[in-house]
C-alpha atoms as a PDB file:
ATOM      1  CA  MET A   1       0.000   0.000   0.000  1.00  0.00           C
ATOM      2  CA  ASN A   2       1.044   3.579  -0.519  1.00  0.00           C
ATOM      3  CA  VAL A   3       1.481   5.500   2.745  1.00  0.00           C
ATOM      4  CA  MET A   4       1.525   9.289   2.497  1.00  0.00           C
ATOM      5  CA  TYR A   5       2.610  11.842   5.103  1.00  0.00           C
ATOM      6  CA  PHE A   6       1.626  15.514   5.143  1.00  0.00           C
ATOM      7  CA  ALA A   7       2.694  18.690   6.979  1.00  0.00           C
ATOM      8  CA  TRP A   8       4.667  18.123  10.197  1.00  0.00           C
ATOM      9  CA  VAL A   9       4.181  14.344   9.922  1.00  0.00           C
ATOM     10  CA  ARG A  10       6.199  14.433   6.687  1.00  0.00           C
ATOM     11  CA  GLU A  11       8.788  16.707   8.290  1.00  0.00           C
ATOM     12  CA  ARG A  12       9.343  14.320  11.209  1.00  0.00           C
ATOM     13  CA  ILE A  13       9.514  11.191   9.060  1.00  0.00           C
ATOM     14  CA  GLY A  14      11.545  12.870   6.343  1.00  0.00           C
ATOM     15  CA  ILE A  15       9.716  11.531   3.278  1.00  0.00           C
ATOM     16  CA  PRO A  16       6.399  12.437   1.631  1.00  0.00           C
ATOM     17  CA  GLN A  17       5.319   8.859   0.882  1.00  0.00           C
ATOM     18  CA  GLU A  18       6.448   5.264   0.659  1.00  0.00           C
ATOM     19  CA  GLU A  19       5.204   1.960  -0.673  1.00  0.00           C
ATOM     20  CA  ILE A  20       5.033  -0.635   2.098  1.00  0.00           C
ATOM     21  CA  THR A  21       3.954  -4.215   2.604  1.00  0.00           C
ATOM     22  CA  SER A  22       2.146  -4.681   5.879  1.00  0.00           C
ATOM     23  CA  GLN A  23       0.302  -7.382   7.772  1.00  0.00           C
ATOM     24  CA  ALA A  24      -1.590  -4.726   9.763  1.00  0.00           C
ATOM     25  CA  ALA A  25      -5.310  -5.366  10.164  1.00  0.00           C
ATOM     26  CA  THR A  26      -6.191  -1.799  11.223  1.00  0.00           C
ATOM     27  CA  VAL A  27      -4.711   1.678  11.009  1.00  0.00           C
ATOM     28  CA  ASN A  28      -3.655   1.361  14.665  1.00  0.00           C
ATOM     29  CA  ASP A  29      -1.755  -1.824  13.783  1.00  0.00           C
ATOM     30  CA  LEU A  30      -0.045  -0.013  10.909  1.00  0.00           C
ATOM     31  CA  VAL A  31       0.963   2.832  13.216  1.00  0.00           C
ATOM     32  CA  ALA A  32       2.434   0.268  15.642  1.00  0.00           C
ATOM     33  CA  GLU A  33       4.420  -1.332  12.795  1.00  0.00           C
ATOM     34  CA  LEU A  34       5.728   2.025  11.605  1.00  0.00           C
ATOM     35  CA  THR A  35       6.555   3.226  15.119  1.00  0.00           C
ATOM     36  CA  ALA A  36       8.629   0.085  15.716  1.00  0.00           C
ATOM     37  CA  ARG A  37      10.704   0.777  12.574  1.00  0.00           C
ATOM     38  CA  GLU A  38      12.693   3.832  13.610  1.00  0.00           C
ATOM     39  CA  GLU A  39      12.705   6.748  16.043  1.00  0.00           C
ATOM     40  CA  ARG A  40      11.545   9.190  13.364  1.00  0.00           C
ATOM     41  CA  TYR A  41       8.271   7.253  12.990  1.00  0.00           C
ATOM     42  CA  ALA A  42       7.897   7.040  16.765  1.00  0.00           C
ATOM     43  CA  ALA A  43       8.258  10.830  16.931  1.00  0.00           C
ATOM     44  CA  ALA A  44       5.671  11.373  14.207  1.00  0.00           C
ATOM     45  CA  PHE A  45       3.117   9.022  15.765  1.00  0.00           C
ATOM     46  CA  ALA A  46       3.767   9.812  19.446  1.00  0.00           C
ATOM     47  CA  ASP A  47       0.317  11.388  19.820  1.00  0.00           C
ATOM     48  CA  THR A  48      -2.186   9.975  17.349  1.00  0.00           C
ATOM     49  CA  SER A  49      -4.927  12.160  18.846  1.00  0.00           C
ATOM     50  CA  ALA A  50      -3.164  15.022  17.017  1.00  0.00           C
ATOM     51  CA  LEU A  51      -3.479  13.203  13.685  1.00  0.00           C
ATOM     52  CA  ARG A  52      -6.123  12.377  11.131  1.00  0.00           C
ATOM     53  CA  VAL A  53      -6.075   9.496   8.667  1.00  0.00           C
ATOM     54  CA  ALA A  54      -7.644   8.963   5.261  1.00  0.00           C
ATOM     55  CA  LEU A  55      -8.040   5.585   3.595  1.00  0.00           C
ATOM     56  CA  ASP A  56      -8.274   5.720  -0.184  1.00  0.00           C
ATOM     57  CA  GLN A  57      -8.926   9.467   0.128  1.00  0.00           C
ATOM     58  CA  GLU A  58     -11.794   9.145   2.623  1.00  0.00           C
ATOM     59  CA  LEU A  59     -11.469  10.417   6.188  1.00  0.00           C
ATOM     60  CA  SER A  60     -11.420   7.458   8.535  1.00  0.00           C
ATOM     61  CA  GLU A  61     -10.690   6.334  12.090  1.00  0.00           C
ATOM     62  CA  PHE A  62      -7.589   4.684  13.521  1.00  0.00           C
ATOM     63  CA  ASP A  63      -9.533   1.498  14.303  1.00  0.00           C
ATOM     64  CA  ALA A  64     -10.658   1.141  10.670  1.00  0.00           C
ATOM     65  CA  PRO A  65      -9.717  -2.077   8.853  1.00  0.00           C
ATOM     66  CA  LEU A  66      -7.059  -1.965   6.137  1.00  0.00           C
ATOM     67  CA  ALA A  67      -8.290  -4.912   4.049  1.00  0.00           C
ATOM     68  CA  GLY A  68      -8.290  -3.830   0.404  1.00  0.00           C
ATOM     69  CA  VAL A  69      -6.957  -0.343   1.141  1.00  0.00           C
ATOM     70  CA  ARG A  70      -4.459   0.940  -1.430  1.00  0.00           C
ATOM     71  CA  GLU A  71      -3.621   4.343   0.081  1.00  0.00           C
ATOM     72  CA  VAL A  72      -3.240   5.581   3.652  1.00  0.00           C
ATOM     73  CA  ALA A  73      -2.619   9.262   4.359  1.00  0.00           C
ATOM     74  CA  PHE A  74      -1.624  10.748   7.718  1.00  0.00           C
ATOM     75  CA  PHE A  75      -1.991  14.486   8.377  1.00  0.00           C
ATOM     76  CA  PRO A  76      -2.715  16.961  11.190  1.00  0.00           C
ATOM     77  CA  PRO A  77      -6.247  18.330  11.550  1.00  0.00           C
ATOM     78  CA  MET A  78      -7.021  20.998   8.995  1.00  0.00           C
ATOM     79  CA  THR A  79      -8.252  24.438   9.874  1.00  0.00           C
ATOM     80  CA  GLY A  80     -10.459  26.599   7.744  1.00  0.00           C
ATOM     81  CA  GLY A  81      -9.947  30.154   6.794  1.00  0.00           C
END
């Protein structure tokens, strides 16, 4: 699946996106896998309450299943203006 990072999430991880193979069943499982990789991921995902996630370009929850998902995007909450 393609995992994309936006705003300060991208800055902490150091890349805008990556193609990964994962056995994660949910977004939370994916976050746990990524966090275990390296410190930069742990820093980016230290407080998931400060993040939003979209699965195949639809806003979702961290307990959502990943079966069949092709794209996961992590980003901070957006503000209007």
